[in-house]
Amino acid sequence: MNLQARKLELVQLILNTDRPSLLEKVSQILKQENKTDWWDELPISVQQAIEVGNKEADRGETTPHEEVKKEVRLRYGI
């Protein structure tokens, strides 16, 4: 069965039901499926940069926050 035929079959099943609880469940499923994950909205280059950063952090290749703040103050005179 192709996708279009499957959709029509589901529409017919929905039209033939008189059960509000079933319609609510179908509605919830469809609404949940339509929600997109913010991660998927990010450009691939940003996703890759975050993944690189996570791997660096896992390896302990990080700079403490206080050190970063100190460097920023020295560099920008703030």
C-alpha atoms as a PDB file:
ATOM      1  CA  MET A   1       0.000   0.000   0.000  1.00  0.00           C
ATOM      2  CA  ASN A   2       1.421   3.372  -0.953  1.00  0.00           C
ATOM      3  CA  LEU A   3       1.513   6.416   1.283  1.00  0.00           C
ATOM      4  CA  GLN A   4      -1.465   8.152  -0.302  1.00  0.00           C
ATOM      5  CA  ALA A   5      -3.662   5.071   0.035  1.00  0.00           C
ATOM      6  CA  ARG A   6      -2.625   4.688   3.675  1.00  0.00           C
ATOM      7  CA  LYS A   7      -3.551   8.316   4.395  1.00  0.00           C
ATOM      8  CA  LEU A   8      -6.958   7.865   2.815  1.00  0.00           C
ATOM      9  CA  GLU A   9      -7.530   4.715   4.848  1.00  0.00           C
ATOM     10  CA  LEU A  10      -6.698   6.565   8.062  1.00  0.00           C
ATOM     11  CA  VAL A  11      -8.949   9.488   7.141  1.00  0.00           C
ATOM     12  CA  GLN A  12     -11.791   7.061   6.538  1.00  0.00           C
ATOM     13  CA  LEU A  13     -11.235   5.402   9.927  1.00  0.00           C
ATOM     14  CA  ILE A  14     -11.255   8.794  11.632  1.00  0.00           C
ATOM     15  CA  LEU A  15     -14.431   9.859   9.841  1.00  0.00           C
ATOM     16  CA  ASN A  16     -16.182   6.639  10.857  1.00  0.00           C
ATOM     17  CA  THR A  17     -15.436   6.853  14.583  1.00  0.00           C
ATOM     18  CA  ASP A  18     -17.742   8.371  17.173  1.00  0.00           C
ATOM     19  CA  ARG A  19     -15.278   7.980  20.047  1.00  0.00           C
ATOM     20  CA  PRO A  20     -14.052  11.377  21.311  1.00  0.00           C
ATOM     21  CA  SER A  21     -11.295   9.735  23.347  1.00  0.00           C
ATOM     22  CA  LEU A  22      -9.884   8.059  20.241  1.00  0.00           C
ATOM     23  CA  LEU A  23     -10.006  11.314  18.289  1.00  0.00           C
ATOM     24  CA  GLU A  24      -8.179  13.060  21.129  1.00  0.00           C
ATOM     25  CA  LYS A  25      -5.466  10.393  21.115  1.00  0.00           C
ATOM     26  CA  VAL A  26      -5.017  10.718  17.353  1.00  0.00           C
ATOM     27  CA  SER A  27      -4.861  14.486  17.711  1.00  0.00           C
ATOM     28  CA  GLN A  28      -2.207  14.278  20.431  1.00  0.00           C
ATOM     29  CA  ILE A  29      -0.098  11.880  18.381  1.00  0.00           C
ATOM     30  CA  LEU A  30      -0.216  14.124  15.335  1.00  0.00           C
ATOM     31  CA  LYS A  31       0.563  17.267  17.344  1.00  0.00           C
ATOM     32  CA  GLN A  32       3.530  15.568  19.004  1.00  0.00           C
ATOM     33  CA  GLU A  33       4.869  14.423  15.644  1.00  0.00           C
ATOM     34  CA  ASN A  34       4.665  17.951  14.252  1.00  0.00           C
ATOM     35  CA  LYS A  35       6.839  19.388  17.000  1.00  0.00           C
ATOM     36  CA  THR A  36      10.362  19.813  15.792  1.00  0.00           C
ATOM     37  CA  ASP A  37      13.421  19.479  17.934  1.00  0.00           C
ATOM     38  CA  TRP A  38      15.410  22.718  18.159  1.00  0.00           C
ATOM     39  CA  TRP A  39      18.546  20.720  17.361  1.00  0.00           C
ATOM     40  CA  ASP A  40      17.159  19.818  13.947  1.00  0.00           C
ATOM     41  CA  GLU A  41      16.584  23.519  13.235  1.00  0.00           C
ATOM     42  CA  LEU A  42      20.278  24.343  13.679  1.00  0.00           C
ATOM     43  CA  PRO A  43      22.496  24.515  10.611  1.00  0.00           C
ATOM     44  CA  ILE A  44      24.697  21.440  10.141  1.00  0.00           C
ATOM     45  CA  SER A  45      27.827  23.552  10.681  1.00  0.00           C
ATOM     46  CA  VAL A  46      26.547  24.635  14.109  1.00  0.00           C
ATOM     47  CA  GLN A  47      25.613  21.052  15.042  1.00  0.00           C
ATOM     48  CA  GLN A  48      29.104  19.911  14.083  1.00  0.00           C
ATOM     49  CA  ALA A  49      30.754  22.706  16.086  1.00  0.00           C
ATOM     50  CA  ILE A  50      28.722  21.772  19.166  1.00  0.00           C
ATOM     51  CA  GLU A  51      29.624  18.105  18.757  1.00  0.00           C
ATOM     52  CA  VAL A  52      33.323  19.006  18.503  1.00  0.00           C
ATOM     53  CA  GLY A  53      33.006  21.119  21.655  1.00  0.00           C
ATOM     54  CA  ASN A  54      31.284  18.280  23.506  1.00  0.00           C
ATOM     55  CA  LYS A  55      34.071  15.858  22.549  1.00  0.00           C
ATOM     56  CA  GLU A  56      36.710  18.356  23.691  1.00  0.00           C
ATOM     57  CA  ALA A  57      34.893  18.773  27.006  1.00  0.00           C
ATOM     58  CA  ASP A  58      34.686  14.988  27.416  1.00  0.00           C
ATOM     59  CA  ARG A  59      38.468  14.852  27.002  1.00  0.00           C
ATOM     60  CA  GLY A  60      38.910  17.585  29.603  1.00  0.00           C
ATOM     61  CA  GLU A  61      40.062  20.135  27.045  1.00  0.00           C
ATOM     62  CA  THR A  62      38.268  23.065  28.656  1.00  0.00           C
ATOM     63  CA  THR A  63      39.162  26.437  30.149  1.00  0.00           C
ATOM     64  CA  PRO A  64      37.720  27.359  33.555  1.00  0.00           C
ATOM     65  CA  HIS A  65      35.182  30.184  33.507  1.00  0.00           C
ATOM     66  CA  GLU A  66      37.225  32.366  35.853  1.00  0.00           C
ATOM     67  CA  GLU A  67      40.213  32.129  33.506  1.00  0.00           C
ATOM     68  CA  VAL A  68      38.101  33.111  30.507  1.00  0.00           C
ATOM     69  CA  LYS A  69      36.701  36.103  32.407  1.00  0.00           C
ATOM     70  CA  LYS A  70      40.246  37.172  33.359  1.00  0.00           C
ATOM     71  CA  GLU A  71      41.419  36.953  29.734  1.00  0.00           C
ATOM     72  CA  VAL A  72      38.418  38.972  28.514  1.00  0.00           C
ATOM     73  CA  ARG A  73      39.041  41.676  31.117  1.00  0.00           C
ATOM     74  CA  LEU A  74      42.712  41.936  30.118  1.00  0.00           C
ATOM     75  CA  ARG A  75      42.028  41.913  26.404  1.00  0.00           C
ATOM     76  CA  TYR A  76      39.162  44.404  26.414  1.00  0.00           C
ATOM     77  CA  GLY A  77      40.071  46.455  29.464  1.00  0.00           C
ATOM     78  CA  ILE A  78      36.846  45.839  31.295  1.00  0.00           C
END
